[in-house]
């Protein structure tokens, strides 16, 4: 929060849509607020909700998003000038030598860290395939499991611009899985999942030191971007360990989604069936035990 990152607030908004005691109107506002404030959070999650037939929530939130985006006119601004200037500024930041480029920032999560562009393109296409598959697999139910939630956000980290701080969106979901694995005495799953949680709580100076040591491997700079800190830090030529962590987390989330029973199914309350006596609908995996949160 001290560095101006609002992702913790957005995490609370995102979870409130499913878990919080909020009205439908407030949920629409929260969803639109996420889209306006940090739209890179939603490229997988928002289409997933649309595929799951939460049309009212998606379309109404999109309407609020448009109103907020166009509200600059009320302040006497020219929208064409404002947004063209915005995209130009973003484009500059992504150029080599700028703060959001891989050869400058050691904290990027998304795929793009190989120096050979075709490899990055292939990896992004590979990442998009499970996203499309997730949309199709989840289309028959309006509920969403905690592991589907985790998988959607993990894949989001790979395909759109994200820094390490954005993974805090996933932190509560990882902790939920830890508690569940401990309760079921599934210690192998607990141990592997705890490695991802442990990485996120290691002080940044330690991870940067290790990444700097990896960056000294001869020839490694011809394969990947060796990052450096643009604010004059001692950590130069840092190996991009963060995107590899993000890829590993996405693969582990995919494994959990496919092979591990999950007891938690969440629904937008206003989207429940009119008949409250109906049992929760089965998802594509009928063996899952479902409880409403």
Foldseek 3Di string as FASTA:
>chain_A
DVVPDCLVVLLVLVVCLWPNPDDLVSNLCSLLVCCQPPVLQPPLPLLLLVLQVPVVSNVSSVVVNVCVLPCVVVVVDDSVVVVVVVVVVVVVQCDPPHCQHQLADLFKAAQDFWPPVVVSVVVLVVLVVVSVVLSVQFNPHQKDFLLSVLLRSLSSSHNDTDGNVNCVSNQVSLVVVLVVCVVVVVVVLNVVSVVLVVVSPPPPVVLLVVQLVVLPPPPPVNTTRQHHHPVPDPRHRGHNVNNVSSVVSNVSSVCCVPPPAGAEITHSVVPDDPPPPDDHDAGSDNVHHYDYD
